[in-house]
N, C-alpha and C. Protein backbone atom coordinates (compact mmCIF):
# COMPACT_ATOMS: atom_id res chain seq x y z
N UNK A 1 56.28 119.33 114.93
CA UNK A 1 58.14 119.80 114.65
C UNK A 1 58.79 120.17 113.43
N UNK A 2 59.57 120.82 113.19
CA UNK A 2 59.97 121.29 111.95
C UNK A 2 61.17 120.21 111.87
N UNK A 3 61.30 119.79 110.43
CA UNK A 3 62.60 118.70 110.41
C UNK A 3 63.79 118.84 110.30
N UNK A 4 64.60 118.15 110.44
CA UNK A 4 66.55 118.97 111.05
C UNK A 4 67.02 119.33 109.74
N UNK A 5 66.31 119.10 108.54
CA UNK A 5 66.25 119.86 107.53
C UNK A 5 65.56 121.06 107.73
N UNK A 6 64.87 121.15 107.85
CA UNK A 6 64.35 122.93 108.13
C UNK A 6 65.10 123.30 108.94
N UNK A 7 65.42 122.61 110.25
CA UNK A 7 66.46 123.99 111.00
C UNK A 7 67.77 124.11 110.33
N UNK A 8 68.42 122.98 109.78
CA UNK A 8 69.75 123.42 108.97
C UNK A 8 69.44 124.73 108.23
N UNK A 9 68.40 124.65 107.73
CA UNK A 9 68.25 125.57 106.70
C UNK A 9 67.81 127.11 106.94
N UNK A 10 67.77 127.32 107.72
CA UNK A 10 67.90 128.58 108.82
C UNK A 10 66.80 129.00 108.97
N UNK A 11 66.05 129.62 110.32
CA UNK A 11 64.59 129.43 110.40
C UNK A 11 63.50 130.81 110.16
N UNK A 12 64.71 131.24 109.44
CA UNK A 12 63.99 132.92 108.44
C UNK A 12 63.15 132.51 107.53
N UNK A 13 64.13 131.96 106.43
CA UNK A 13 63.40 131.61 105.29
C UNK A 13 62.15 130.48 105.33
N UNK A 14 62.24 129.23 106.42
CA UNK A 14 61.06 128.58 106.59
C UNK A 14 60.07 129.89 107.16
N UNK A 15 60.32 130.94 108.20
CA UNK A 15 59.40 131.52 108.74
C UNK A 15 58.80 132.73 107.77
N UNK A 16 59.32 133.07 107.01
CA UNK A 16 58.38 133.54 105.62
C UNK A 16 57.91 133.12 104.80
N UNK A 17 58.25 131.73 104.43
CA UNK A 17 56.72 130.95 104.17
C UNK A 17 56.09 130.45 104.60
N UNK A 18 56.05 130.41 106.11
CA UNK A 18 54.78 130.00 106.89
C UNK A 18 53.90 131.42 106.68
N UNK A 19 54.78 132.46 107.10
CA UNK A 19 54.10 133.56 107.01
C UNK A 19 53.03 133.57 105.81
N UNK A 20 53.63 133.43 104.73
CA UNK A 20 53.07 133.75 103.25
C UNK A 20 51.73 132.56 103.32
N UNK A 21 51.47 131.75 104.22
CA UNK A 21 51.12 130.33 103.91
C UNK A 21 49.71 130.59 104.86
N UNK A 22 50.35 130.96 105.79
CA UNK A 22 48.92 131.39 106.79
C UNK A 22 48.02 133.11 105.79
N UNK A 23 48.75 133.59 105.16
CA UNK A 23 48.11 134.61 105.15
C UNK A 23 47.42 134.18 103.68
N UNK A 24 47.44 132.95 102.96
CA UNK A 24 46.65 132.99 101.88
C UNK A 24 45.84 131.79 102.56
N UNK A 25 46.23 131.32 104.29
CA UNK A 25 45.17 130.07 104.00
C UNK A 25 45.44 128.85 104.13
N UNK A 26 46.86 128.39 103.98
CA UNK A 26 47.47 126.96 103.24
C UNK A 26 47.41 126.43 104.73
N UNK A 27 47.20 124.65 104.21
CA UNK A 27 47.30 124.15 105.84
C UNK A 27 48.39 123.44 106.18
N UNK A 28 49.14 122.97 106.72
CA UNK A 28 50.35 122.38 107.39
C UNK A 28 50.55 120.97 106.44
N UNK A 29 49.76 120.28 105.86
CA UNK A 29 50.38 119.49 104.90
C UNK A 29 50.66 120.53 103.12
N UNK A 30 49.83 121.41 103.15
CA UNK A 30 50.52 121.69 102.33
C UNK A 30 52.21 122.74 102.46
N UNK A 31 52.20 122.91 103.40
CA UNK A 31 53.62 123.07 104.14
C UNK A 31 54.98 122.03 103.66
N UNK A 32 54.08 120.58 104.46
CA UNK A 32 55.10 120.02 103.76
C UNK A 32 55.40 119.07 102.69
N UNK A 33 53.97 119.68 102.03
CA UNK A 33 54.56 119.28 100.23
C UNK A 33 55.57 120.32 99.95
N UNK A 34 55.59 121.56 100.11
CA UNK A 34 56.59 122.54 99.55
C UNK A 34 57.81 122.32 99.98
N UNK A 35 57.74 121.46 101.41
CA UNK A 35 59.42 121.17 101.97
C UNK A 35 59.72 119.88 100.93
N UNK A 36 58.83 119.33 100.77
CA UNK A 36 59.24 117.88 99.84
C UNK A 36 59.82 118.58 98.30
N UNK A 37 59.15 119.53 98.28
CA UNK A 37 59.58 119.81 97.00
C UNK A 37 61.23 120.28 97.30
N UNK A 38 60.84 121.31 97.72
CA UNK A 38 62.37 121.65 97.94
C UNK A 38 63.65 120.59 98.32
N UNK A 39 63.11 119.28 98.99
CA UNK A 39 64.28 118.72 99.22
C UNK A 39 64.57 117.84 98.12
N UNK A 40 63.45 117.80 97.20
CA UNK A 40 63.56 116.69 95.80
C UNK A 40 64.11 117.61 95.12
N UNK A 41 64.38 119.02 94.89
CA UNK A 41 65.18 119.92 94.28
C UNK A 41 66.51 119.85 94.48
N UNK A 42 66.67 119.75 95.99
CA UNK A 42 68.35 120.04 96.55
C UNK A 42 68.97 118.83 96.22
N UNK A 43 68.10 117.21 96.33
CA UNK A 43 68.40 116.18 95.86
C UNK A 43 68.78 116.02 94.30
N UNK A 44 68.46 116.86 92.82
CA UNK A 44 68.61 116.30 92.19
C UNK A 44 69.12 117.28 91.80
N UNK A 45 69.74 118.64 92.67
CA UNK A 45 71.39 119.07 92.49
C UNK A 45 72.24 118.76 92.79
N UNK A 46 72.03 117.68 93.54
CA UNK A 46 73.29 116.80 94.31
C UNK A 46 73.97 116.21 93.65
N UNK A 47 72.71 115.25 93.16
CA UNK A 47 72.64 114.27 92.15
C UNK A 47 73.75 114.61 90.69
N UNK A 48 72.81 115.90 90.60
CA UNK A 48 73.77 116.40 88.90
C UNK A 48 75.50 116.56 89.48
N UNK A 49 75.60 117.53 91.04
CA UNK A 49 76.84 117.90 91.33
C UNK A 49 77.87 116.13 91.60
N UNK A 50 77.10 115.07 91.71
CA UNK A 50 77.72 113.92 91.94
C UNK A 50 78.17 113.47 90.45
N UNK A 51 77.47 112.95 88.99
CA UNK A 51 77.73 112.89 87.66
C UNK A 51 78.63 113.75 87.68
N UNK A 52 78.68 115.06 87.33
CA UNK A 52 79.80 116.02 87.05
C UNK A 52 81.19 115.42 87.79
N UNK A 53 81.01 115.22 89.32
CA UNK A 53 82.93 114.86 89.75
C UNK A 53 82.64 113.75 89.27
N UNK A 54 81.78 112.70 89.56
CA UNK A 54 82.41 110.87 88.32
C UNK A 54 82.80 111.38 87.25
N UNK A 55 82.28 112.26 86.57
CA UNK A 55 82.66 112.63 85.22
C UNK A 55 84.36 113.02 84.96
N UNK A 56 84.46 113.47 86.03
CA UNK A 56 85.64 114.63 86.07
C UNK A 56 86.97 113.08 86.97
N UNK A 57 86.49 112.62 87.80
CA UNK A 57 87.50 111.30 88.16
C UNK A 57 87.68 110.67 87.12
N UNK A 58 86.88 110.50 86.12
CA UNK A 58 87.27 109.43 85.27
C UNK A 58 88.44 109.81 84.23
N UNK A 59 87.85 111.38 84.13
CA UNK A 59 88.88 112.03 82.61
C UNK A 59 90.27 111.96 83.37
N UNK A 60 90.38 112.15 85.24
CA UNK A 60 91.82 112.13 85.97
C UNK A 60 92.37 110.56 85.88
N UNK A 61 91.29 109.43 85.54
CA UNK A 61 92.01 108.29 86.00
C UNK A 61 92.77 108.16 84.61
N UNK A 62 91.75 108.28 83.60
CA UNK A 62 92.21 108.26 82.24
C UNK A 62 93.87 108.87 81.50
N UNK A 63 94.03 109.84 82.30
CA UNK A 63 94.91 111.20 81.73
C UNK A 63 95.78 109.80 83.02
N UNK A 64 95.66 109.73 84.14
CA UNK A 64 96.87 109.12 85.13
C UNK A 64 97.17 107.61 84.24
N UNK A 65 96.74 107.23 83.50
CA UNK A 65 96.73 105.91 83.01
C UNK A 65 97.47 105.68 81.41
N UNK A 66 97.28 107.36 80.93
CA UNK A 66 97.95 107.29 79.77
C UNK A 66 99.45 107.42 80.29
N UNK A 67 100.12 108.17 81.47
CA UNK A 67 100.97 109.20 81.66
C UNK A 67 102.23 107.51 82.44
N UNK A 68 100.87 106.52 83.01
CA UNK A 68 101.76 105.35 83.87
C UNK A 68 102.72 104.32 82.69
N UNK A 69 102.19 104.33 81.52
CA UNK A 69 103.00 103.94 80.53
C UNK A 69 104.25 104.42 80.39
N UNK A 70 104.90 105.34 81.19
CA UNK A 70 106.16 106.12 80.27
C UNK A 70 106.85 105.67 81.54
N UNK A 71 107.55 104.87 81.24
CA UNK A 71 109.10 104.58 82.18
C UNK A 71 110.08 104.93 82.36
N UNK A 72 110.40 106.50 81.48
CA UNK A 72 111.35 107.20 81.49
C UNK A 72 112.66 107.09 82.51
N UNK A 73 113.96 106.68 82.64
CA UNK A 73 114.43 107.38 83.41
C UNK A 73 114.88 108.55 83.64
N UNK A 74 114.49 109.06 84.26
CA UNK A 74 115.59 110.57 84.73
C UNK A 74 117.19 110.75 84.93
N UNK A 75 117.59 111.27 84.05
CA UNK A 75 119.10 111.64 84.58
C UNK A 75 119.20 111.55 86.80
N UNK A 76 120.32 111.17 86.45
CA UNK A 76 120.71 111.76 88.34
C UNK A 76 121.89 112.54 88.11
N UNK A 77 122.51 113.42 88.83
CA UNK A 77 123.04 114.70 88.49
C UNK A 77 123.81 114.43 90.42
N UNK A 78 124.79 114.03 90.17
CA UNK A 78 125.81 114.06 91.60
C UNK A 78 126.09 115.25 91.73
N UNK A 79 126.18 115.83 92.77
CA UNK A 79 126.89 117.10 92.99
C UNK A 79 128.25 117.29 93.85
N UNK A 80 129.64 117.50 93.37
CA UNK A 80 130.66 117.08 94.11
C UNK A 80 130.64 117.50 95.90
N UNK A 81 131.00 116.73 96.08
CA UNK A 81 131.32 116.93 97.79
C UNK A 81 132.26 117.51 98.48
N UNK A 82 133.29 118.00 97.66
CA UNK A 82 134.77 118.57 97.61
C UNK A 82 134.47 119.99 97.31
N UNK A 83 135.54 121.03 97.87
CA UNK A 83 135.53 122.25 97.67
C UNK A 83 137.01 122.41 97.61
N UNK A 84 136.96 123.23 95.81
CA UNK A 84 138.42 123.63 95.61
C UNK A 84 138.70 125.26 96.65
N UNK A 85 139.49 125.21 97.21
CA UNK A 85 139.87 126.41 97.91
C UNK A 85 141.03 126.82 97.76
N UNK A 86 141.68 126.55 96.32
CA UNK A 86 142.92 127.29 95.73
C UNK A 86 142.03 128.61 95.20
N UNK A 87 141.23 128.14 95.26
CA UNK A 87 140.28 129.20 94.00
C UNK A 87 140.13 130.81 95.22
N UNK A 88 139.77 130.20 96.53
CA UNK A 88 139.90 131.16 97.70
C UNK A 88 140.75 132.04 97.51
N UNK A 89 140.90 133.37 97.76
CA UNK A 89 141.40 134.50 98.02
C UNK A 89 142.32 134.47 99.26
N UNK A 90 143.15 134.78 99.84
CA UNK A 90 144.05 135.04 101.21
C UNK A 90 143.43 135.99 102.07
N UNK A 91 142.69 137.26 101.01
CA UNK A 91 142.38 138.11 101.77
C UNK A 91 141.09 137.82 102.81
N UNK A 92 140.25 136.70 101.93
CA UNK A 92 138.81 136.13 102.34
C UNK A 92 139.37 135.62 103.65
N UNK A 93 140.34 134.71 103.54
CA UNK A 93 140.69 133.63 104.75
C UNK A 93 141.19 134.45 106.22
N UNK A 94 141.81 136.02 105.85
CA UNK A 94 141.92 136.84 106.53
C UNK A 94 140.78 137.72 107.39
N UNK A 95 140.05 137.57 106.28
CA UNK A 95 138.83 138.35 107.22
C UNK A 95 138.09 137.64 107.54
N UNK A 96 137.78 136.47 107.48
CA UNK A 96 137.74 134.88 108.65
C UNK A 96 137.64 135.01 109.46
N UNK A 97 139.28 135.29 109.47
CA UNK A 97 140.17 134.82 110.72
C UNK A 97 139.82 135.88 111.87
N UNK A 98 139.59 136.99 111.28
CA UNK A 98 139.74 137.82 112.07
C UNK A 98 138.52 137.77 113.06
N UNK A 99 137.36 137.24 112.18
CA UNK A 99 136.44 137.09 113.45
C UNK A 99 136.53 136.13 114.36
N UNK A 100 137.62 135.56 114.52
CA UNK A 100 138.14 134.52 115.46
C UNK A 100 138.52 135.12 116.53
N UNK A 101 137.87 134.43 117.57
CA UNK A 101 138.57 135.10 118.78
C UNK A 101 139.26 134.48 119.80
N UNK A 102 139.46 133.20 120.04
CA UNK A 102 139.81 132.26 120.63
C UNK A 102 140.91 131.59 120.22
N UNK A 103 141.65 131.02 121.32
CA UNK A 103 143.01 130.08 120.36
C UNK A 103 142.36 128.86 119.47
N UNK A 104 141.18 128.16 120.67
CA UNK A 104 140.69 127.10 119.46
C UNK A 104 140.44 127.26 118.42
N UNK A 105 139.35 127.98 118.12
CA UNK A 105 138.95 128.80 117.15
C UNK A 105 139.69 128.75 115.67
N UNK A 106 140.98 129.23 116.82
CA UNK A 106 142.21 129.85 115.26
C UNK A 106 142.92 128.77 114.77
N UNK A 107 142.95 127.25 115.99
CA UNK A 107 143.48 125.84 115.75
C UNK A 107 142.33 124.69 114.60
N UNK A 108 141.08 125.27 115.13
CA UNK A 108 140.01 124.39 114.36
C UNK A 108 140.19 125.41 113.00
N UNK A 109 140.53 126.43 112.68
CA UNK A 109 140.48 126.92 110.98
C UNK A 109 141.54 126.56 110.49
N UNK A 110 143.08 126.53 111.16
CA UNK A 110 144.05 125.87 110.71
C UNK A 110 144.09 124.04 110.45
N UNK A 111 143.39 123.54 111.31
CA UNK A 111 143.44 121.82 110.74
C UNK A 111 142.25 122.04 109.47
N UNK A 112 141.77 123.03 109.50
CA UNK A 112 140.42 122.59 108.50
C UNK A 112 141.27 123.05 107.26
N UNK A 113 142.24 124.00 107.21
CA UNK A 113 142.63 124.44 105.68
C UNK A 113 143.87 123.49 105.32
N UNK A 114 144.86 123.43 106.51
CA UNK A 114 145.00 121.78 106.24
C UNK A 114 144.88 120.62 105.69
N UNK A 115 143.49 120.24 105.93
CA UNK A 115 142.66 118.70 105.50
C UNK A 115 142.30 119.36 104.07
N UNK A 116 142.36 120.63 103.83
CA UNK A 116 142.45 120.95 101.90
C UNK A 116 143.62 121.34 101.54
N UNK A 117 144.53 120.97 102.04
CA UNK A 117 145.84 120.93 101.52
C UNK A 117 146.61 122.50 101.81
N UNK A 118 146.31 123.13 102.45
CA UNK A 118 146.45 124.66 102.52
C UNK A 118 147.03 124.86 103.76
C-alpha cells in the first residue's frame, strides 16, 4: 500500500511514475527508492527553509535589541474638553433649533446653552 506521503502528493504524479516504471520493467523496490529520493529532496528543501527563517529571526531579534535601549519619552498632548461657543454664530443655533420639535428638546437646548454661558 502507498505511504501517506505518497497519497498526500497526489495520485496523478505517482500514477505517471508507476506507469513509467512498469514500461521499463522496474520492480517495486526501485519505486520505493525513487520515493525515498523524493522525500530526501523535499527534506533538504525544508531544512534550507528552516535555516533561512532562523537567520531572518536572528536579524529581527538584533534589530529589536537595538531599539530596546531607546527609552525616549514621547510628548503627551492633552486636548481641551471645553468648547468656546462664543465663536458659534447665532444663525447656526437658530438653524439647529429649527430641527427641534418638542418642548423638552427646546428646554434641553436652553439648558445646554446656559451651561456654556449663553
